[in-house]
């Protein structure tokens, strides 16, 4: 399953180890995107960036 993990360097709930180690548990393509200057609340604080990343991920792994 293709996985996109969007994490913020300023996330107070999930540290860098969680973001970096998740790849070990994923079968399939894995991509980690780290955002700067955003807290745990990525959808609220970086709406446009998150939308762009999600749409790109979906396009990349689209099945016809």
PDB file of N, CA and C in Angstrom:
ATOM      1  N   UNK A   1       0.843  -1.176   0.000  1.00  0.00           N
ATOM      2  CA  UNK A   1       0.000   0.000   0.000  1.00  0.00           C
ATOM      3  C   UNK A   1       0.888   1.239   0.000  1.00  0.00           C
ATOM      4  N   UNK A   2       0.792   2.097  -0.989  1.00  0.00           N
ATOM      5  CA  UNK A   2       1.554   3.341  -1.008  1.00  0.00           C
ATOM      6  C   UNK A   2       1.173   4.212   0.184  1.00  0.00           C
ATOM      7  N   UNK A   3       2.172   4.741   0.862  1.00  0.00           N
ATOM      8  CA  UNK A   3       1.933   5.519   2.071  1.00  0.00           C
ATOM      9  C   UNK A   3       2.648   6.853   1.999  1.00  0.00           C
ATOM     10  N   UNK A   4       1.920   7.909   2.323  1.00  0.00           N
ATOM     11  CA  UNK A   4       2.482   9.251   2.459  1.00  0.00           C
ATOM     12  C   UNK A   4       2.324   9.654   3.913  1.00  0.00           C
ATOM     13  N   UNK A   5       3.439   9.936   4.569  1.00  0.00           N
ATOM     14  CA  UNK A   5       3.417  10.382   5.963  1.00  0.00           C
ATOM     15  C   UNK A   5       3.817  11.851   5.952  1.00  0.00           C
ATOM     16  N   UNK A   6       2.888  12.718   6.341  1.00  0.00           N
ATOM     17  CA  UNK A   6       3.169  14.151   6.422  1.00  0.00           C
ATOM     18  C   UNK A   6       3.326  14.482   7.901  1.00  0.00           C
ATOM     19  N   UNK A   7       4.514  14.937   8.246  1.00  0.00           N
ATOM     20  CA  UNK A   7       4.854  15.200   9.646  1.00  0.00           C
ATOM     21  C   UNK A   7       5.398  16.613   9.768  1.00  0.00           C
ATOM     22  N   UNK A   8       5.219  17.211  10.914  1.00  0.00           N
ATOM     23  CA  UNK A   8       5.755  18.540  11.163  1.00  0.00           C
ATOM     24  C   UNK A   8       6.886  18.477  12.166  1.00  0.00           C
ATOM     25  N   UNK A   9       7.938  19.185  11.878  1.00  0.00           N
ATOM     26  CA  UNK A   9       9.087  19.225  12.782  1.00  0.00           C
ATOM     27  C   UNK A   9       8.727  19.842  14.136  1.00  0.00           C
ATOM     28  N   UNK A  10       7.631  20.580  14.192  1.00  0.00           N
ATOM     29  CA  UNK A  10       7.196  21.198  15.448  1.00  0.00           C
ATOM     30  C   UNK A  10       6.035  20.444  16.093  1.00  0.00           C
ATOM     31  N   UNK A  11       5.827  19.187  15.711  1.00  0.00           N
ATOM     32  CA  UNK A  11       4.743  18.381  16.262  1.00  0.00           C
ATOM     33  C   UNK A  11       5.081  17.989  17.695  1.00  0.00           C
ATOM     34  N   UNK A  12       4.215  18.359  18.632  1.00  0.00           N
ATOM     35  CA  UNK A  12       4.463  18.040  20.045  1.00  0.00           C
ATOM     36  C   UNK A  12       3.906  16.672  20.429  1.00  0.00           C
ATOM     37  N   UNK A  13       3.124  16.042  19.549  1.00  0.00           N
ATOM     38  CA  UNK A  13       2.525  14.742  19.850  1.00  0.00           C
ATOM     39  C   UNK A  13       3.346  13.582  19.292  1.00  0.00           C
ATOM     40  N   UNK A  14       3.917  13.756  18.109  1.00  0.00           N
ATOM     41  CA  UNK A  14       4.708  12.707  17.462  1.00  0.00           C
ATOM     42  C   UNK A  14       6.094  13.247  17.162  1.00  0.00           C
ATOM     43  N   UNK A  15       7.096  12.599  17.697  1.00  0.00           N
ATOM     44  CA  UNK A  15       8.468  13.026  17.483  1.00  0.00           C
ATOM     45  C   UNK A  15       9.048  12.489  16.187  1.00  0.00           C
ATOM     46  N   UNK A  16      10.282  12.842  15.893  1.00  0.00           N
ATOM     47  CA  UNK A  16      10.906  12.407  14.642  1.00  0.00           C
ATOM     48  C   UNK A  16      11.049  10.895  14.541  1.00  0.00           C
ATOM     49  N   UNK A  17      11.233  10.209  15.646  1.00  0.00           N
ATOM     50  CA  UNK A  17      11.389   8.748  15.594  1.00  0.00           C
ATOM     51  C   UNK A  17      10.132   8.087  15.027  1.00  0.00           C
ATOM     52  N   UNK A  18       8.963   8.570  15.429  1.00  0.00           N
ATOM     53  CA  UNK A  18       7.714   8.003  14.904  1.00  0.00           C
ATOM     54  C   UNK A  18       7.631   8.182  13.394  1.00  0.00           C
ATOM     55  N   UNK A  19       7.971   9.356  12.930  1.00  0.00           N
ATOM     56  CA  UNK A  19       7.910   9.632  11.490  1.00  0.00           C
ATOM     57  C   UNK A  19       8.937   8.808  10.721  1.00  0.00           C
ATOM     58  N   UNK A  20      10.115   8.711  11.253  1.00  0.00           N
ATOM     59  CA  UNK A  20      11.197   8.018  10.544  1.00  0.00           C
ATOM     60  C   UNK A  20      11.062   6.497  10.605  1.00  0.00           C
ATOM     61  N   UNK A  21      10.555   5.967  11.688  1.00  0.00           N
ATOM     62  CA  UNK A  21      10.467   4.513  11.856  1.00  0.00           C
ATOM     63  C   UNK A  21       9.215   3.898  11.223  1.00  0.00           C
ATOM     64  N   UNK A  22       8.242   4.703  10.881  1.00  0.00           N
ATOM     65  CA  UNK A  22       7.013   4.175  10.285  1.00  0.00           C
ATOM     66  C   UNK A  22       7.303   3.374   9.023  1.00  0.00           C
ATOM     67  N   UNK A  23       8.287   3.788   8.261  1.00  0.00           N
ATOM     68  CA  UNK A  23       8.617   3.106   7.009  1.00  0.00           C
ATOM     69  C   UNK A  23       8.869   1.619   7.214  1.00  0.00           C
ATOM     70  N   UNK A  24       9.400   1.247   8.356  1.00  0.00           N
ATOM     71  CA  UNK A  24       9.674  -0.166   8.647  1.00  0.00           C
ATOM     72  C   UNK A  24       8.407  -1.013   8.639  1.00  0.00           C
ATOM     73  N   UNK A  25       7.259  -0.400   8.860  1.00  0.00           N
ATOM     74  CA  UNK A  25       5.999  -1.129   8.999  1.00  0.00           C
ATOM     75  C   UNK A  25       5.120  -1.031   7.761  1.00  0.00           C
ATOM     76  N   UNK A  26       5.649  -0.457   6.692  1.00  0.00           N
ATOM     77  CA  UNK A  26       4.875  -0.238   5.476  1.00  0.00           C
ATOM     78  C   UNK A  26       5.345  -1.193   4.391  1.00  0.00           C
ATOM     79  N   UNK A  27       4.396  -1.860   3.776  1.00  0.00           N
ATOM     80  CA  UNK A  27       4.693  -2.691   2.604  1.00  0.00           C
ATOM     81  C   UNK A  27       4.292  -1.883   1.378  1.00  0.00           C
ATOM     82  N   UNK A  28       5.252  -1.478   0.609  1.00  0.00           N
ATOM     83  CA  UNK A  28       4.973  -0.684  -0.583  1.00  0.00           C
ATOM     84  C   UNK A  28       5.725   0.625  -0.527  1.00  0.00           C
ATOM     85  N   UNK A  29       5.497   1.468  -1.527  1.00  0.00           N
ATOM     86  CA  UNK A  29       6.193   2.751  -1.586  1.00  0.00           C
ATOM     87  C   UNK A  29       5.876   3.611  -0.360  1.00  0.00           C
ATOM     88  N   UNK A  30       6.896   4.250   0.178  1.00  0.00           N
ATOM     89  CA  UNK A  30       6.747   5.089   1.364  1.00  0.00           C
ATOM     90  C   UNK A  30       7.424   6.425   1.110  1.00  0.00           C
ATOM     91  N   UNK A  31       6.742   7.471   1.485  1.00  0.00           N
ATOM     92  CA  UNK A  31       7.300   8.818   1.338  1.00  0.00           C
ATOM     93  C   UNK A  31       7.014   9.602   2.603  1.00  0.00           C
ATOM     94  N   UNK A  32       8.059  10.186   3.164  1.00  0.00           N
ATOM     95  CA  UNK A  32       7.936  11.037   4.344  1.00  0.00           C
ATOM     96  C   UNK A  32       8.155  12.477   3.915  1.00  0.00           C
ATOM     97  N   UNK A  33       7.199  13.321   4.217  1.00  0.00           N
ATOM     98  CA  UNK A  33       7.319  14.754   3.964  1.00  0.00           C
ATOM     99  C   UNK A  33       7.332  15.455   5.314  1.00  0.00           C
ATOM    100  N   UNK A  34       8.348  16.261   5.554  1.00  0.00           N
ATOM    101  CA  UNK A  34       8.472  16.994   6.804  1.00  0.00           C
ATOM    102  C   UNK A  34       8.202  18.471   6.557  1.00  0.00           C
ATOM    103  N   UNK A  35       7.255  19.005   7.284  1.00  0.00           N
ATOM    104  CA  UNK A  35       6.917  20.421   7.172  1.00  0.00           C
ATOM    105  C   UNK A  35       7.593  21.197   8.293  1.00  0.00           C
ATOM    106  N   UNK A  36       8.040  22.377   7.993  1.00  0.00           N
ATOM    107  CA  UNK A  36       8.672  23.258   8.975  1.00  0.00           C
ATOM    108  C   UNK A  36       7.688  24.352   9.383  1.00  0.00           C
ATOM    109  N   UNK A  37       7.739  24.761  10.638  1.00  0.00           N
ATOM    110  CA  UNK A  37       6.916  25.875  11.105  1.00  0.00           C
ATOM    111  C   UNK A  37       5.441  25.561  11.249  1.00  0.00           C
ATOM    112  N   UNK A  38       5.105  24.282  11.393  1.00  0.00           N
ATOM    113  CA  UNK A  38       3.718  23.854  11.551  1.00  0.00           C
ATOM    114  C   UNK A  38       3.662  22.972  12.794  1.00  0.00           C
ATOM    115  N   UNK A  39       2.579  23.078  13.554  1.00  0.00           N
ATOM    116  CA  UNK A  39       2.436  22.237  14.745  1.00  0.00           C
ATOM    117  C   UNK A  39       1.804  20.895  14.369  1.00  0.00           C
ATOM    118  N   UNK A  40       1.273  20.209  15.343  1.00  0.00           N
ATOM    119  CA  UNK A  40       0.608  18.920  15.142  1.00  0.00           C
ATOM    120  C   UNK A  40      -0.612  19.043  14.226  1.00  0.00           C
ATOM    121  N   UNK A  41      -1.202  20.211  14.167  1.00  0.00           N
ATOM    122  CA  UNK A  41      -2.464  20.432  13.458  1.00  0.00           C
ATOM    123  C   UNK A  41      -2.215  20.826  11.993  1.00  0.00           C
ATOM    124  N   UNK A  42      -1.611  19.930  11.258  1.00  0.00           N
ATOM    125  CA  UNK A  42      -1.237  20.180   9.870  1.00  0.00           C
ATOM    126  C   UNK A  42      -2.437  20.555   8.992  1.00  0.00           C
ATOM    127  N   UNK A  43      -3.564  19.834   9.044  1.00  0.00           N
ATOM    128  CA  UNK A  43      -4.682  20.196   8.161  1.00  0.00           C
ATOM    129  C   UNK A  43      -5.188  21.628   8.366  1.00  0.00           C
ATOM    130  N   UNK A  44      -5.134  22.103   9.596  1.00  0.00           N
ATOM    131  CA  UNK A  44      -5.602  23.449   9.885  1.00  0.00           C
ATOM    132  C   UNK A  44      -4.554  24.510   9.569  1.00  0.00           C
ATOM    133  N   UNK A  45      -3.290  24.194   9.750  1.00  0.00           N
ATOM    134  CA  UNK A  45      -2.226  25.186   9.623  1.00  0.00           C
ATOM    135  C   UNK A  45      -1.527  25.195   8.272  1.00  0.00           C
ATOM    136  N   UNK A  46      -1.621  24.123   7.532  1.00  0.00           N
ATOM    137  CA  UNK A  46      -0.936  24.040   6.238  1.00  0.00           C
ATOM    138  C   UNK A  46      -1.851  23.384   5.206  1.00  0.00           C
ATOM    139  N   UNK A  47      -3.063  23.890   5.127  1.00  0.00           N
ATOM    140  CA  UNK A  47      -4.098  23.292   4.282  1.00  0.00           C
ATOM    141  C   UNK A  47      -3.657  23.138   2.829  1.00  0.00           C
ATOM    142  N   UNK A  48      -3.126  24.192   2.245  1.00  0.00           N
ATOM    143  CA  UNK A  48      -2.741  24.152   0.831  1.00  0.00           C
ATOM    144  C   UNK A  48      -1.591  23.191   0.589  1.00  0.00           C
ATOM    145  N   UNK A  49      -0.598  23.209   1.451  1.00  0.00           N
ATOM    146  CA  UNK A  49       0.548  22.310   1.299  1.00  0.00           C
ATOM    147  C   UNK A  49       0.115  20.858   1.432  1.00  0.00           C
ATOM    148  N   UNK A  50      -0.700  20.577   2.433  1.00  0.00           N
ATOM    149  CA  UNK A  50      -1.185  19.215   2.632  1.00  0.00           C
ATOM    150  C   UNK A  50      -2.023  18.759   1.438  1.00  0.00           C
ATOM    151  N   UNK A  51      -2.892  19.607   0.957  1.00  0.00           N
ATOM    152  CA  UNK A  51      -3.718  19.253  -0.205  1.00  0.00           C
ATOM    153  C   UNK A  51      -2.855  18.950  -1.417  1.00  0.00           C
ATOM    154  N   UNK A  52      -1.837  19.771  -1.670  1.00  0.00           N
ATOM    155  CA  UNK A  52      -0.937  19.550  -2.800  1.00  0.00           C
ATOM    156  C   UNK A  52      -0.216  18.214  -2.663  1.00  0.00           C
ATOM    157  N   UNK A  53       0.276  17.905  -1.468  1.00  0.00           N
ATOM    158  CA  UNK A  53       0.974  16.641  -1.238  1.00  0.00           C
ATOM    159  C   UNK A  53       0.041  15.446  -1.427  1.00  0.00           C
ATOM    160  N   UNK A  54      -1.156  15.532  -0.880  1.00  0.00           N
ATOM    161  CA  UNK A  54      -2.114  14.426  -1.001  1.00  0.00           C
ATOM    162  C   UNK A  54      -2.534  14.196  -2.449  1.00  0.00           C
ATOM    163  N   UNK A  55      -2.835  15.270  -3.160  1.00  0.00           N
ATOM    164  CA  UNK A  55      -3.241  15.122  -4.556  1.00  0.00           C
ATOM    165  C   UNK A  55      -2.109  14.549  -5.403  1.00  0.00           C
ATOM    166  N   UNK A  56      -0.888  14.989  -5.155  1.00  0.00           N
ATOM    167  CA  UNK A  56       0.261  14.434  -5.870  1.00  0.00           C
ATOM    168  C   UNK A  56       0.448  12.962  -5.571  1.00  0.00           C
ATOM    169  N   UNK A  57       0.296  12.584  -4.330  1.00  0.00           N
ATOM    170  CA  UNK A  57       0.422  11.183  -3.922  1.00  0.00           C
ATOM    171  C   UNK A  57      -0.649  10.330  -4.602  1.00  0.00           C
ATOM    172  N   UNK A  58      -1.874  10.816  -4.603  1.00  0.00           N
ATOM    173  CA  UNK A  58      -2.967  10.081  -5.232  1.00  0.00           C
ATOM    174  C   UNK A  58      -2.761   9.939  -6.743  1.00  0.00           C
ATOM    175  N   UNK A  59      -2.282  11.006  -7.375  1.00  0.00           N
ATOM    176  CA  UNK A  59      -2.020  10.944  -8.814  1.00  0.00           C
ATOM    177  C   UNK A  59      -0.906   9.933  -9.120  1.00  0.00           C
ATOM    178  N   UNK A  60       0.129   9.945  -8.312  1.00  0.00           N
ATOM    179  CA  UNK A  60       1.265   9.061  -8.517  1.00  0.00           C
ATOM    180  C   UNK A  60       0.858   7.594  -8.422  1.00  0.00           C
ATOM    181  N   UNK A  61      -0.059   7.293  -7.521  1.00  0.00           N
ATOM    182  CA  UNK A  61      -0.423   5.895  -7.269  1.00  0.00           C
ATOM    183  C   UNK A  61      -1.829   5.557  -7.764  1.00  0.00           C
ATOM    184  N   UNK A  62      -2.326   6.361  -8.691  1.00  0.00           N
ATOM    185  CA  UNK A  62      -3.648   6.131  -9.271  1.00  0.00           C
ATOM    186  C   UNK A  62      -3.662   4.858 -10.106  1.00  0.00           C
ATOM    187  N   UNK A  63      -4.703   4.079  -9.921  1.00  0.00           N
ATOM    188  CA  UNK A  63      -4.896   2.874 -10.749  1.00  0.00           C
ATOM    189  C   UNK A  63      -5.973   3.175 -11.771  1.00  0.00           C
ATOM    190  N   UNK A  64      -5.734   2.778 -12.987  1.00  0.00           N
ATOM    191  CA  UNK A  64      -6.695   3.049 -14.071  1.00  0.00           C
ATOM    192  C   UNK A  64      -7.582   1.852 -14.296  1.00  0.00           C
TER     193      UNK A  64
END
